[in-house]
């Protein structure tokens, strides 16, 4: 129970997916299996927020994801594309308004990751 009402969490560790050189990863999940993504250290242990920070506890995604059989999900994109895709609404990484700019090539470059050409880690 929290200030928003009852919460049901059935966390199970489905496995560890290492990040590739550009920070991307690729994994297979069973259809209909809820999962959340956590930031981890090299050994797979969840990282925690700094004690003096705004947030507390483990750095884990609050919302569960769930995919239909055969569904594909692109959860992120390279950091250098943030300002051109998200920065105009959420603010630039630097905080400078002038760093936000519409990048017409954002949709073709966002999926260029190392993970796109690698075999997925099977977590089914």
N, C-alpha and C. Protein backbone atom coordinates (compact mmCIF):
# COMPACT_ATOMS: atom_id res chain seq x y z
N UNK A 1 0.86 -1.18 0.00
CA UNK A 1 0.00 0.00 0.00
C UNK A 1 0.90 1.23 0.00
N UNK A 2 0.58 2.18 -0.85
CA UNK A 2 1.25 3.47 -0.82
C UNK A 2 0.19 4.56 -0.90
N UNK A 3 0.61 5.82 -1.08
CA UNK A 3 -0.35 6.92 -1.06
C UNK A 3 -1.34 6.88 -2.22
N UNK A 4 -1.11 6.00 -3.21
CA UNK A 4 -2.02 5.89 -4.35
C UNK A 4 -2.96 4.68 -4.24
N UNK A 5 -2.78 3.86 -3.22
CA UNK A 5 -3.65 2.70 -3.04
C UNK A 5 -2.87 1.41 -3.01
N UNK A 6 -3.57 0.26 -3.10
CA UNK A 6 -2.90 -1.03 -3.04
C UNK A 6 -2.02 -1.27 -4.26
N UNK A 7 -0.90 -1.94 -4.04
CA UNK A 7 0.04 -2.24 -5.11
C UNK A 7 0.34 -3.73 -5.08
N UNK A 8 0.26 -4.39 -6.22
CA UNK A 8 0.63 -5.80 -6.31
C UNK A 8 1.88 -5.90 -7.17
N UNK A 9 2.92 -6.45 -6.61
CA UNK A 9 4.16 -6.64 -7.35
C UNK A 9 4.59 -8.08 -7.18
N UNK A 10 4.78 -8.76 -8.29
CA UNK A 10 5.24 -10.15 -8.28
C UNK A 10 6.56 -10.20 -9.04
N UNK A 11 7.60 -9.65 -8.43
CA UNK A 11 8.89 -9.59 -9.11
C UNK A 11 9.58 -10.94 -9.08
N UNK A 12 10.02 -11.36 -10.25
CA UNK A 12 10.86 -12.54 -10.41
C UNK A 12 12.04 -12.13 -11.26
N UNK A 13 13.21 -12.59 -10.93
CA UNK A 13 14.40 -12.27 -11.72
C UNK A 13 14.38 -13.15 -12.96
N UNK A 14 14.17 -12.53 -14.11
CA UNK A 14 14.13 -13.27 -15.37
C UNK A 14 15.51 -13.47 -15.97
N UNK A 15 16.49 -12.71 -15.50
CA UNK A 15 17.85 -12.86 -16.01
C UNK A 15 18.54 -11.53 -16.19
N UNK A 16 19.76 -11.61 -16.68
CA UNK A 16 20.62 -10.45 -16.86
C UNK A 16 20.96 -10.31 -18.33
N UNK A 17 20.82 -9.11 -18.86
CA UNK A 17 21.16 -8.84 -20.26
C UNK A 17 22.25 -7.77 -20.26
N UNK A 18 23.47 -8.14 -20.67
CA UNK A 18 24.55 -7.15 -20.66
C UNK A 18 24.36 -6.09 -21.73
N UNK A 19 24.82 -4.89 -21.44
CA UNK A 19 24.76 -3.81 -22.42
C UNK A 19 25.92 -3.92 -23.40
N UNK A 20 25.66 -3.55 -24.62
CA UNK A 20 26.69 -3.52 -25.64
C UNK A 20 27.42 -2.18 -25.59
N UNK A 21 28.43 -2.00 -26.41
CA UNK A 21 29.28 -0.82 -26.37
C UNK A 21 28.56 0.51 -26.47
N UNK A 22 27.42 0.54 -27.14
CA UNK A 22 26.66 1.79 -27.29
C UNK A 22 25.55 1.92 -26.25
N UNK A 23 25.49 0.99 -25.29
CA UNK A 23 24.46 1.03 -24.25
C UNK A 23 23.18 0.31 -24.62
N UNK A 24 23.14 -0.33 -25.80
CA UNK A 24 21.93 -1.04 -26.22
C UNK A 24 21.99 -2.49 -25.76
N UNK A 25 20.86 -3.17 -25.82
CA UNK A 25 20.76 -4.58 -25.44
C UNK A 25 19.61 -5.19 -26.23
N UNK A 26 19.62 -6.51 -26.30
CA UNK A 26 18.54 -7.20 -27.02
C UNK A 26 18.17 -8.46 -26.25
N UNK A 27 16.86 -8.66 -26.02
CA UNK A 27 16.40 -9.81 -25.24
C UNK A 27 15.08 -10.33 -25.78
N UNK A 28 14.82 -11.59 -25.52
CA UNK A 28 13.54 -12.23 -25.84
C UNK A 28 12.80 -12.51 -24.54
N UNK A 29 11.52 -12.17 -24.49
CA UNK A 29 10.68 -12.45 -23.34
C UNK A 29 9.50 -13.29 -23.80
N UNK A 30 8.95 -14.11 -22.93
CA UNK A 30 7.75 -14.86 -23.25
C UNK A 30 6.56 -13.93 -23.39
N UNK A 31 5.67 -14.20 -24.33
CA UNK A 31 4.48 -13.38 -24.51
C UNK A 31 3.63 -13.37 -23.25
N UNK A 32 3.17 -12.19 -22.85
CA UNK A 32 2.30 -12.06 -21.69
C UNK A 32 3.02 -12.05 -20.36
N UNK A 33 4.33 -12.14 -20.35
CA UNK A 33 5.09 -12.14 -19.10
C UNK A 33 5.43 -10.69 -18.73
N UNK A 34 4.93 -10.20 -17.59
CA UNK A 34 5.24 -8.83 -17.20
C UNK A 34 6.70 -8.72 -16.77
N UNK A 35 7.33 -7.60 -17.13
CA UNK A 35 8.73 -7.40 -16.72
C UNK A 35 8.99 -5.91 -16.52
N UNK A 36 10.02 -5.64 -15.72
CA UNK A 36 10.51 -4.28 -15.50
C UNK A 36 12.01 -4.30 -15.74
N UNK A 37 12.56 -3.15 -16.09
CA UNK A 37 13.97 -3.05 -16.39
C UNK A 37 14.66 -2.30 -15.26
N UNK A 38 15.81 -2.83 -14.83
CA UNK A 38 16.58 -2.20 -13.75
C UNK A 38 17.98 -1.86 -14.23
N UNK A 39 18.50 -0.74 -13.75
CA UNK A 39 19.91 -0.40 -13.98
C UNK A 39 20.73 -1.25 -13.02
N UNK A 40 21.75 -1.94 -13.53
CA UNK A 40 22.53 -2.85 -12.70
C UNK A 40 24.03 -2.58 -12.84
N UNK A 41 24.78 -3.14 -11.90
CA UNK A 41 26.23 -3.10 -12.02
C UNK A 41 26.67 -4.25 -12.92
N UNK A 42 27.98 -4.43 -13.08
CA UNK A 42 28.49 -5.48 -13.97
C UNK A 42 28.09 -6.89 -13.53
N UNK A 43 27.79 -7.06 -12.25
CA UNK A 43 27.41 -8.37 -11.74
C UNK A 43 25.91 -8.63 -11.77
N UNK A 44 25.13 -7.66 -12.20
CA UNK A 44 23.69 -7.84 -12.29
C UNK A 44 22.91 -7.38 -11.08
N UNK A 45 23.58 -6.79 -10.07
CA UNK A 45 22.87 -6.28 -8.89
C UNK A 45 22.31 -4.89 -9.19
N UNK A 46 21.08 -4.66 -8.75
CA UNK A 46 20.42 -3.37 -9.02
C UNK A 46 21.18 -2.22 -8.37
N UNK A 47 21.31 -1.13 -9.11
CA UNK A 47 21.92 0.09 -8.57
C UNK A 47 20.87 0.85 -7.77
N UNK A 48 21.32 1.58 -6.76
CA UNK A 48 20.41 2.38 -5.94
C UNK A 48 20.66 3.86 -6.18
N UNK A 49 19.64 4.66 -5.91
CA UNK A 49 19.78 6.11 -5.99
C UNK A 49 20.68 6.59 -4.85
N UNK A 50 21.36 7.71 -5.05
CA UNK A 50 22.20 8.30 -4.01
C UNK A 50 21.32 8.73 -2.84
N UNK A 51 21.86 8.63 -1.63
CA UNK A 51 21.10 8.94 -0.41
C UNK A 51 20.59 10.38 -0.39
N UNK A 52 21.34 11.31 -0.96
CA UNK A 52 20.91 12.71 -0.94
C UNK A 52 20.07 13.10 -2.14
N UNK A 53 19.72 12.14 -2.99
CA UNK A 53 18.94 12.42 -4.19
C UNK A 53 17.45 12.57 -3.92
N UNK A 54 16.72 12.92 -4.95
CA UNK A 54 15.27 13.10 -4.86
C UNK A 54 14.57 11.75 -4.72
N UNK A 55 15.07 10.74 -5.43
CA UNK A 55 14.46 9.41 -5.40
C UNK A 55 15.22 8.51 -4.44
N UNK A 56 14.58 7.43 -4.02
CA UNK A 56 15.24 6.49 -3.12
C UNK A 56 14.97 5.07 -3.58
N UNK A 57 15.79 4.15 -3.11
CA UNK A 57 15.62 2.74 -3.46
C UNK A 57 16.37 2.37 -4.73
N UNK A 58 16.02 1.20 -5.27
CA UNK A 58 16.67 0.70 -6.47
C UNK A 58 16.27 1.49 -7.70
N UNK A 59 17.17 1.59 -8.64
CA UNK A 59 16.89 2.24 -9.93
C UNK A 59 16.22 1.22 -10.83
N UNK A 60 14.91 1.13 -10.69
CA UNK A 60 14.14 0.15 -11.45
C UNK A 60 12.92 0.84 -12.05
N UNK A 61 12.57 0.42 -13.22
CA UNK A 61 11.41 0.99 -13.91
C UNK A 61 10.16 0.76 -13.07
N UNK A 62 9.36 1.79 -12.87
CA UNK A 62 8.17 1.66 -12.02
C UNK A 62 7.03 0.93 -12.72
N UNK A 63 6.89 1.12 -14.00
CA UNK A 63 5.78 0.50 -14.72
C UNK A 63 6.22 -0.83 -15.33
N UNK A 64 5.35 -1.83 -15.24
CA UNK A 64 5.63 -3.11 -15.89
C UNK A 64 5.39 -2.99 -17.38
N UNK A 65 6.18 -3.72 -18.13
CA UNK A 65 5.97 -3.87 -19.57
C UNK A 65 5.45 -5.28 -19.80
N UNK A 66 4.73 -5.47 -20.87
CA UNK A 66 4.21 -6.78 -21.23
C UNK A 66 4.02 -6.78 -22.74
N UNK A 67 4.46 -7.83 -23.38
CA UNK A 67 4.40 -7.90 -24.83
C UNK A 67 3.52 -9.05 -25.28
N UNK A 68 2.87 -8.87 -26.41
CA UNK A 68 2.12 -9.96 -27.03
C UNK A 68 3.11 -10.86 -27.76
N UNK A 69 2.78 -12.13 -27.97
CA UNK A 69 3.68 -12.99 -28.73
C UNK A 69 4.01 -12.37 -30.09
N UNK A 70 5.30 -12.29 -30.39
CA UNK A 70 5.75 -11.73 -31.66
C UNK A 70 5.93 -10.22 -31.66
N UNK A 71 5.49 -9.54 -30.59
CA UNK A 71 5.62 -8.08 -30.55
C UNK A 71 7.07 -7.67 -30.30
N UNK A 72 7.47 -6.56 -30.91
CA UNK A 72 8.81 -6.01 -30.72
C UNK A 72 8.69 -4.66 -30.03
N UNK A 73 9.64 -4.37 -29.19
CA UNK A 73 9.62 -3.13 -28.43
C UNK A 73 10.99 -2.46 -28.51
N UNK A 74 11.00 -1.21 -28.83
CA UNK A 74 12.22 -0.40 -28.76
C UNK A 74 12.02 0.55 -27.59
N UNK A 75 12.67 0.25 -26.50
CA UNK A 75 12.46 1.01 -25.27
C UNK A 75 13.28 2.29 -25.21
N UNK A 76 14.31 2.39 -25.99
CA UNK A 76 15.16 3.56 -25.89
C UNK A 76 15.84 3.85 -27.21
N UNK A 77 16.71 4.81 -27.19
CA UNK A 77 17.45 5.23 -28.38
C UNK A 77 18.74 5.86 -27.88
N UNK A 78 19.71 6.07 -28.77
CA UNK A 78 20.99 6.63 -28.33
C UNK A 78 20.83 8.00 -27.67
N UNK A 79 21.60 8.22 -26.61
CA UNK A 79 21.55 9.46 -25.83
C UNK A 79 21.73 10.70 -26.69
N UNK A 80 22.60 10.63 -27.70
CA UNK A 80 22.87 11.82 -28.50
C UNK A 80 21.66 12.26 -29.32
N UNK A 81 20.59 11.47 -29.37
CA UNK A 81 19.39 11.85 -30.11
C UNK A 81 18.29 12.42 -29.20
N UNK A 82 18.52 12.42 -27.87
CA UNK A 82 17.49 12.86 -26.93
C UNK A 82 16.98 14.27 -27.21
N UNK A 83 17.89 15.22 -27.37
CA UNK A 83 17.46 16.62 -27.56
C UNK A 83 16.57 16.78 -28.78
N UNK A 84 16.86 16.06 -29.86
CA UNK A 84 16.09 16.20 -31.08
C UNK A 84 14.75 15.49 -31.05
N UNK A 85 14.58 14.51 -30.16
CA UNK A 85 13.34 13.75 -30.11
C UNK A 85 12.48 14.13 -28.90
N UNK A 86 13.10 14.24 -27.74
CA UNK A 86 12.36 14.44 -26.49
C UNK A 86 12.59 15.79 -25.84
N UNK A 87 13.69 16.43 -26.19
CA UNK A 87 14.11 17.64 -25.50
C UNK A 87 13.15 18.80 -25.57
N UNK A 88 12.39 18.92 -26.65
CA UNK A 88 11.49 20.07 -26.76
C UNK A 88 10.37 20.02 -25.73
N UNK A 89 9.97 18.85 -25.30
CA UNK A 89 8.94 18.73 -24.25
C UNK A 89 9.55 18.54 -22.86
N UNK A 90 10.60 17.72 -22.78
CA UNK A 90 11.16 17.34 -21.48
C UNK A 90 12.39 18.15 -21.09
N UNK A 91 12.86 19.03 -21.96
CA UNK A 91 14.05 19.82 -21.67
C UNK A 91 15.29 19.12 -22.18
N UNK A 92 16.25 19.90 -22.62
CA UNK A 92 17.48 19.33 -23.16
C UNK A 92 18.32 18.71 -22.05
N UNK A 93 19.26 17.87 -22.43
CA UNK A 93 20.14 17.24 -21.45
C UNK A 93 20.96 18.30 -20.72
N UNK A 94 21.38 19.33 -21.43
CA UNK A 94 22.19 20.40 -20.84
C UNK A 94 21.37 21.43 -20.08
N UNK A 95 20.06 21.47 -20.33
CA UNK A 95 19.21 22.48 -19.73
C UNK A 95 19.11 23.75 -20.56
N UNK A 96 19.87 23.82 -21.64
CA UNK A 96 19.84 25.00 -22.52
C UNK A 96 18.77 24.81 -23.58
N UNK A 97 17.85 25.75 -23.68
CA UNK A 97 16.76 25.66 -24.65
C UNK A 97 17.27 25.59 -26.08
N UNK A 98 18.36 26.29 -26.36
CA UNK A 98 18.89 26.30 -27.73
C UNK A 98 19.45 24.95 -28.17
N UNK A 99 19.68 24.04 -27.23
CA UNK A 99 20.17 22.71 -27.60
C UNK A 99 19.06 21.82 -28.14
N UNK A 100 17.81 22.24 -27.99
CA UNK A 100 16.69 21.49 -28.55
C UNK A 100 16.50 21.91 -30.00
N UNK A 101 16.43 20.94 -30.85
CA UNK A 101 16.21 21.23 -32.27
C UNK A 101 15.56 20.03 -32.91
N UNK A 102 14.65 20.26 -33.80
CA UNK A 102 14.03 19.16 -34.53
C UNK A 102 15.09 18.59 -35.47
N UNK A 103 15.26 17.30 -35.42
CA UNK A 103 16.24 16.62 -36.26
C UNK A 103 15.47 15.76 -37.24
N UNK A 104 15.40 16.14 -38.51
CA UNK A 104 14.58 15.39 -39.46
C UNK A 104 15.04 13.95 -39.67
N UNK A 105 16.28 13.64 -39.28
CA UNK A 105 16.79 12.29 -39.48
C UNK A 105 16.63 11.42 -38.24
N UNK A 106 15.96 11.93 -37.21
CA UNK A 106 15.85 11.21 -35.94
C UNK A 106 15.20 9.83 -36.09
N UNK A 107 14.19 9.71 -36.90
CA UNK A 107 13.47 8.44 -37.02
C UNK A 107 14.28 7.37 -37.75
N UNK A 108 15.17 7.77 -38.62
CA UNK A 108 15.98 6.77 -39.32
C UNK A 108 17.22 6.38 -38.53
N UNK A 109 17.70 7.24 -37.65
CA UNK A 109 18.91 6.94 -36.88
C UNK A 109 18.63 6.35 -35.52
N UNK A 110 17.43 6.49 -34.98
CA UNK A 110 17.15 6.06 -33.62
C UNK A 110 17.32 4.56 -33.43
N UNK A 111 17.10 3.77 -34.45
CA UNK A 111 17.20 2.32 -34.30
C UNK A 111 18.57 1.78 -34.68
N UNK A 112 19.51 2.63 -35.01
CA UNK A 112 20.87 2.17 -35.33
C UNK A 112 21.62 1.92 -34.04
N UNK A 113 21.56 0.70 -33.57
CA UNK A 113 22.24 0.30 -32.35
C UNK A 113 23.00 -0.98 -32.60
N UNK A 114 23.99 -1.26 -31.76
CA UNK A 114 24.72 -2.52 -31.87
C UNK A 114 23.78 -3.70 -31.70
N UNK A 115 22.78 -3.55 -30.83
CA UNK A 115 21.86 -4.65 -30.53
C UNK A 115 21.04 -5.07 -31.74
N UNK A 116 20.83 -4.17 -32.67
CA UNK A 116 20.02 -4.50 -33.85
C UNK A 116 20.63 -5.62 -34.67
N UNK A 117 21.94 -5.79 -34.58
CA UNK A 117 22.64 -6.80 -35.39
C UNK A 117 23.17 -7.96 -34.57
N UNK A 118 22.70 -8.12 -33.33
CA UNK A 118 23.19 -9.21 -32.49
C UNK A 118 22.07 -10.18 -32.15
N UNK A 119 22.44 -11.35 -31.67
CA UNK A 119 21.45 -12.32 -31.21
C UNK A 119 20.91 -11.86 -29.86
N UNK A 120 19.64 -12.08 -29.63
CA UNK A 120 18.99 -11.68 -28.38
C UNK A 120 19.32 -12.66 -27.26
N UNK A 121 19.40 -12.15 -26.03
CA UNK A 121 19.52 -12.99 -24.85
C UNK A 121 18.12 -13.56 -24.59
N UNK A 122 18.01 -14.88 -24.52
CA UNK A 122 16.71 -15.53 -24.37
C UNK A 122 16.32 -15.60 -22.90
N UNK A 123 15.30 -14.85 -22.49
CA UNK A 123 14.81 -14.83 -21.11
C UNK A 123 13.45 -15.51 -20.99
N UNK A 124 13.08 -16.29 -22.00
CA UNK A 124 11.77 -16.96 -21.95
C UNK A 124 11.77 -18.10 -20.96
